[in-house]
Amino acid sequence: MYRLTSIEEILDKFQFIYKNKFALRTSLHLARRSLFEEKLFGKLFFN
């Protein structure tokens, strides 16, 4: 289980999440789109 050690550590984690939120969102969007395209091409070519 996650153990809280210090406030600085928690703030560091939140800052890291906030900084990387945009990159994470774009990568998730790209992954979702590629997965959708894979399903679409799979239906078209391997029906």
PDB file of N, CA and C in Angstrom:
ATOM      1  N   MET A   1       0.839  -1.201   0.000  1.00  0.00           N
ATOM      2  CA  MET A   1       0.000   0.000   0.000  1.00  0.00           C
ATOM      3  C   MET A   1       0.877   1.254   0.000  1.00  0.00           C
ATOM      4  N   TYR A   2       0.339   2.328  -0.553  1.00  0.00           N
ATOM      5  CA  TYR A   2       1.105   3.563  -0.662  1.00  0.00           C
ATOM      6  C   TYR A   2       1.229   4.235   0.701  1.00  0.00           C
ATOM      7  N   ARG A   3       2.459   4.599   1.064  1.00  0.00           N
ATOM      8  CA  ARG A   3       2.712   5.204   2.365  1.00  0.00           C
ATOM      9  C   ARG A   3       3.094   6.667   2.171  1.00  0.00           C
ATOM     10  N   LEU A   4       2.399   7.555   2.899  1.00  0.00           N
ATOM     11  CA  LEU A   4       2.704   8.979   2.813  1.00  0.00           C
ATOM     12  C   LEU A   4       3.921   9.284   3.664  1.00  0.00           C
ATOM     13  N   THR A   5       4.973   9.820   3.024  1.00  0.00           N
ATOM     14  CA  THR A   5       6.193  10.098   3.770  1.00  0.00           C
ATOM     15  C   THR A   5       6.313  11.573   4.104  1.00  0.00           C
ATOM     16  N   SER A   6       6.174  12.432   3.102  1.00  0.00           N
ATOM     17  CA  SER A   6       6.312  13.854   3.383  1.00  0.00           C
ATOM     18  C   SER A   6       5.451  14.666   2.432  1.00  0.00           C
ATOM     19  N   ILE A   7       5.126  15.869   2.864  1.00  0.00           N
ATOM     20  CA  ILE A   7       4.304  16.764   2.044  1.00  0.00           C
ATOM     21  C   ILE A   7       5.058  17.152   0.776  1.00  0.00           C
ATOM     22  N   GLU A   8       6.368  17.365   0.894  1.00  0.00           N
ATOM     23  CA  GLU A   8       7.161  17.730  -0.284  1.00  0.00           C
ATOM     24  C   GLU A   8       7.093  16.654  -1.359  1.00  0.00           C
ATOM     25  N   GLU A   9       7.141  15.398  -0.919  1.00  0.00           N
ATOM     26  CA  GLU A   9       7.090  14.291  -1.870  1.00  0.00           C
ATOM     27  C   GLU A   9       5.754  14.281  -2.610  1.00  0.00           C
ATOM     28  N   ILE A  10       4.675  14.496  -1.862  1.00  0.00           N
ATOM     29  CA  ILE A  10       3.336  14.521  -2.462  1.00  0.00           C
ATOM     30  C   ILE A  10       3.226  15.675  -3.452  1.00  0.00           C
ATOM     31  N   LEU A  11       3.721  16.845  -3.050  1.00  0.00           N
ATOM     32  CA  LEU A  11       3.670  17.994  -3.946  1.00  0.00           C
ATOM     33  C   LEU A  11       4.502  17.743  -5.196  1.00  0.00           C
ATOM     34  N   ASP A  12       5.650  17.083  -5.026  1.00  0.00           N
ATOM     35  CA  ASP A  12       6.477  16.721  -6.172  1.00  0.00           C
ATOM     36  C   ASP A  12       5.709  15.838  -7.143  1.00  0.00           C
ATOM     37  N   LYS A  13       5.010  14.851  -6.596  1.00  0.00           N
ATOM     38  CA  LYS A  13       4.238  13.943  -7.440  1.00  0.00           C
ATOM     39  C   LYS A  13       3.142  14.688  -8.193  1.00  0.00           C
ATOM     40  N   PHE A  14       2.435  15.579  -7.484  1.00  0.00           N
ATOM     41  CA  PHE A  14       1.362  16.314  -8.143  1.00  0.00           C
ATOM     42  C   PHE A  14       1.908  17.247  -9.213  1.00  0.00           C
ATOM     43  N   GLN A  15       3.062  17.861  -8.932  1.00  0.00           N
ATOM     44  CA  GLN A  15       3.675  18.742  -9.921  1.00  0.00           C
ATOM     45  C   GLN A  15       4.077  17.955 -11.164  1.00  0.00           C
ATOM     46  N   PHE A  16       4.613  16.763 -10.949  1.00  0.00           N
ATOM     47  CA  PHE A  16       5.000  15.896 -12.056  1.00  0.00           C
ATOM     48  C   PHE A  16       3.781  15.523 -12.891  1.00  0.00           C
ATOM     49  N   ILE A  17       2.684  15.160 -12.209  1.00  0.00           N
ATOM     50  CA  ILE A  17       1.449  14.805 -12.911  1.00  0.00           C
ATOM     51  C   ILE A  17       0.936  15.998 -13.702  1.00  0.00           C
ATOM     52  N   TYR A  18       0.960  17.194 -13.076  1.00  0.00           N
ATOM     53  CA  TYR A  18       0.444  18.383 -13.751  1.00  0.00           C
ATOM     54  C   TYR A  18       1.289  18.730 -14.975  1.00  0.00           C
ATOM     55  N   LYS A  19       2.615  18.592 -14.844  1.00  0.00           N
ATOM     56  CA  LYS A  19       3.491  18.915 -15.972  1.00  0.00           C
ATOM     57  C   LYS A  19       3.289  17.946 -17.122  1.00  0.00           C
ATOM     58  N   ASN A  20       3.040  16.680 -16.797  1.00  0.00           N
ATOM     59  CA  ASN A  20       2.972  15.656 -17.840  1.00  0.00           C
ATOM     60  C   ASN A  20       1.545  15.336 -18.263  1.00  0.00           C
ATOM     61  N   LYS A  21       0.583  16.118 -17.755  1.00  0.00           N
ATOM     62  CA  LYS A  21      -0.811  15.832 -18.080  1.00  0.00           C
ATOM     63  C   LYS A  21      -1.061  16.003 -19.577  1.00  0.00           C
ATOM     64  N   PHE A  22      -0.500  17.062 -20.163  1.00  0.00           N
ATOM     65  CA  PHE A  22      -0.725  17.321 -21.580  1.00  0.00           C
ATOM     66  C   PHE A  22      -0.109  16.224 -22.438  1.00  0.00           C
ATOM     67  N   ALA A  23       1.134  15.849 -22.121  1.00  0.00           N
ATOM     68  CA  ALA A  23       1.801  14.793 -22.881  1.00  0.00           C
ATOM     69  C   ALA A  23       1.059  13.474 -22.739  1.00  0.00           C
ATOM     70  N   LEU A  24       0.604  13.205 -21.515  1.00  0.00           N
ATOM     71  CA  LEU A  24      -0.131  11.966 -21.275  1.00  0.00           C
ATOM     72  C   LEU A  24      -1.428  11.959 -22.069  1.00  0.00           C
ATOM     73  N   ARG A  25      -2.126  13.097 -22.082  1.00  0.00           N
ATOM     74  CA  ARG A  25      -3.395  13.177 -22.793  1.00  0.00           C
ATOM     75  C   ARG A  25      -3.194  12.969 -24.283  1.00  0.00           C
ATOM     76  N   THR A  26      -2.159  13.596 -24.846  1.00  0.00           N
ATOM     77  CA  THR A  26      -1.936  13.449 -26.284  1.00  0.00           C
ATOM     78  C   THR A  26      -1.537  12.024 -26.634  1.00  0.00           C
ATOM     79  N   SER A  27      -0.698  11.399 -25.787  1.00  0.00           N
ATOM     80  CA  SER A  27      -0.292  10.021 -26.076  1.00  0.00           C
ATOM     81  C   SER A  27      -1.469   9.068 -25.942  1.00  0.00           C
ATOM     82  N   LEU A  28      -2.335   9.314 -24.941  1.00  0.00           N
ATOM     83  CA  LEU A  28      -3.529   8.481 -24.800  1.00  0.00           C
ATOM     84  C   LEU A  28      -4.440   8.650 -26.003  1.00  0.00           C
ATOM     85  N   HIS A  29      -4.579   9.891 -26.478  1.00  0.00           N
ATOM     86  CA  HIS A  29      -5.420  10.154 -27.636  1.00  0.00           C
ATOM     87  C   HIS A  29      -4.875   9.434 -28.869  1.00  0.00           C
ATOM     88  N   LEU A  30      -3.555   9.506 -29.057  1.00  0.00           N
ATOM     89  CA  LEU A  30      -2.940   8.830 -30.199  1.00  0.00           C
ATOM     90  C   LEU A  30      -3.101   7.323 -30.102  1.00  0.00           C
ATOM     91  N   ALA A  31      -2.940   6.784 -28.899  1.00  0.00           N
ATOM     92  CA  ALA A  31      -3.081   5.338 -28.722  1.00  0.00           C
ATOM     93  C   ALA A  31      -4.509   4.907 -29.011  1.00  0.00           C
ATOM     94  N   ARG A  32      -5.474   5.687 -28.530  1.00  0.00           N
ATOM     95  CA  ARG A  32      -6.877   5.354 -28.757  1.00  0.00           C
ATOM     96  C   ARG A  32      -7.193   5.407 -30.240  1.00  0.00           C
ATOM     97  N   ARG A  33      -6.655   6.429 -30.927  1.00  0.00           N
ATOM     98  CA  ARG A  33      -6.928   6.573 -32.354  1.00  0.00           C
ATOM     99  C   ARG A  33      -6.321   5.425 -33.146  1.00  0.00           C
ATOM    100  N   SER A  34      -5.088   5.040 -32.794  1.00  0.00           N
ATOM    101  CA  SER A  34      -4.455   3.936 -33.522  1.00  0.00           C
ATOM    102  C   SER A  34      -5.191   2.625 -33.268  1.00  0.00           C
ATOM    103  N   LEU A  35      -5.685   2.443 -32.041  1.00  0.00           N
ATOM    104  CA  LEU A  35      -6.461   1.243 -31.732  1.00  0.00           C
ATOM    105  C   LEU A  35      -7.746   1.225 -32.556  1.00  0.00           C
ATOM    106  N   PHE A  36      -8.405   2.381 -32.666  1.00  0.00           N
ATOM    107  CA  PHE A  36      -9.622   2.480 -33.458  1.00  0.00           C
ATOM    108  C   PHE A  36      -9.339   2.169 -34.924  1.00  0.00           C
ATOM    109  N   GLU A  37      -8.224   2.709 -35.443  1.00  0.00           N
ATOM    110  CA  GLU A  37      -7.860   2.442 -36.833  1.00  0.00           C
ATOM    111  C   GLU A  37      -7.557   0.968 -37.051  1.00  0.00           C
ATOM    112  N   GLU A  38      -6.910   0.341 -36.067  1.00  0.00           N
ATOM    113  CA  GLU A  38      -6.626  -1.092 -36.175  1.00  0.00           C
ATOM    114  C   GLU A  38      -7.915  -1.889 -36.269  1.00  0.00           C
ATOM    115  N   LYS A  39      -8.894  -1.550 -35.433  1.00  0.00           N
ATOM    116  CA  LYS A  39     -10.177  -2.252 -35.470  1.00  0.00           C
ATOM    117  C   LYS A  39     -10.868  -2.028 -36.806  1.00  0.00           C
ATOM    118  N   LEU A  40     -10.812  -0.787 -37.293  1.00  0.00           N
ATOM    119  CA  LEU A  40     -11.456  -0.443 -38.554  1.00  0.00           C
ATOM    120  C   LEU A  40     -10.827  -1.223 -39.704  1.00  0.00           C
ATOM    121  N   PHE A  41      -9.492  -1.223 -39.785  1.00  0.00           N
ATOM    122  CA  PHE A  41      -8.810  -1.952 -40.852  1.00  0.00           C
ATOM    123  C   PHE A  41      -9.014  -3.451 -40.708  1.00  0.00           C
ATOM    124  N   GLY A  42      -9.086  -3.910 -39.457  1.00  0.00           N
ATOM    125  CA  GLY A  42      -9.348  -5.328 -39.233  1.00  0.00           C
ATOM    126  C   GLY A  42     -10.706  -5.726 -39.767  1.00  0.00           C
ATOM    127  N   LYS A  43     -11.706  -4.864 -39.582  1.00  0.00           N
ATOM    128  CA  LYS A  43     -13.048  -5.160 -40.089  1.00  0.00           C
ATOM    129  C   LYS A  43     -13.084  -5.088 -41.609  1.00  0.00           C
ATOM    130  N   LEU A  44     -12.315  -4.148 -42.180  1.00  0.00           N
ATOM    131  CA  LEU A  44     -12.337  -3.990 -43.628  1.00  0.00           C
ATOM    132  C   LEU A  44     -11.639  -5.139 -44.342  1.00  0.00           C
ATOM    133  N   PHE A  45     -10.458  -5.527 -43.842  1.00  0.00           N
ATOM    134  CA  PHE A  45      -9.635  -6.474 -44.583  1.00  0.00           C
ATOM    135  C   PHE A  45      -9.794  -7.916 -44.133  1.00  0.00           C
ATOM    136  N   PHE A  46     -10.157  -8.135 -42.864  1.00  0.00           N
ATOM    137  CA  PHE A  46     -10.211  -9.507 -42.353  1.00  0.00           C
ATOM    138  C   PHE A  46     -11.622  -9.894 -41.946  1.00  0.00           C
ATOM    139  N   ASN A  47     -12.583  -9.492 -42.749  1.00  0.00           N
ATOM    140  CA  ASN A  47     -13.969  -9.793 -42.400  1.00  0.00           C
ATOM    141  C   ASN A  47     -14.304 -11.232 -42.806  1.00  0.00           C
TER     142      ASN A  47
END
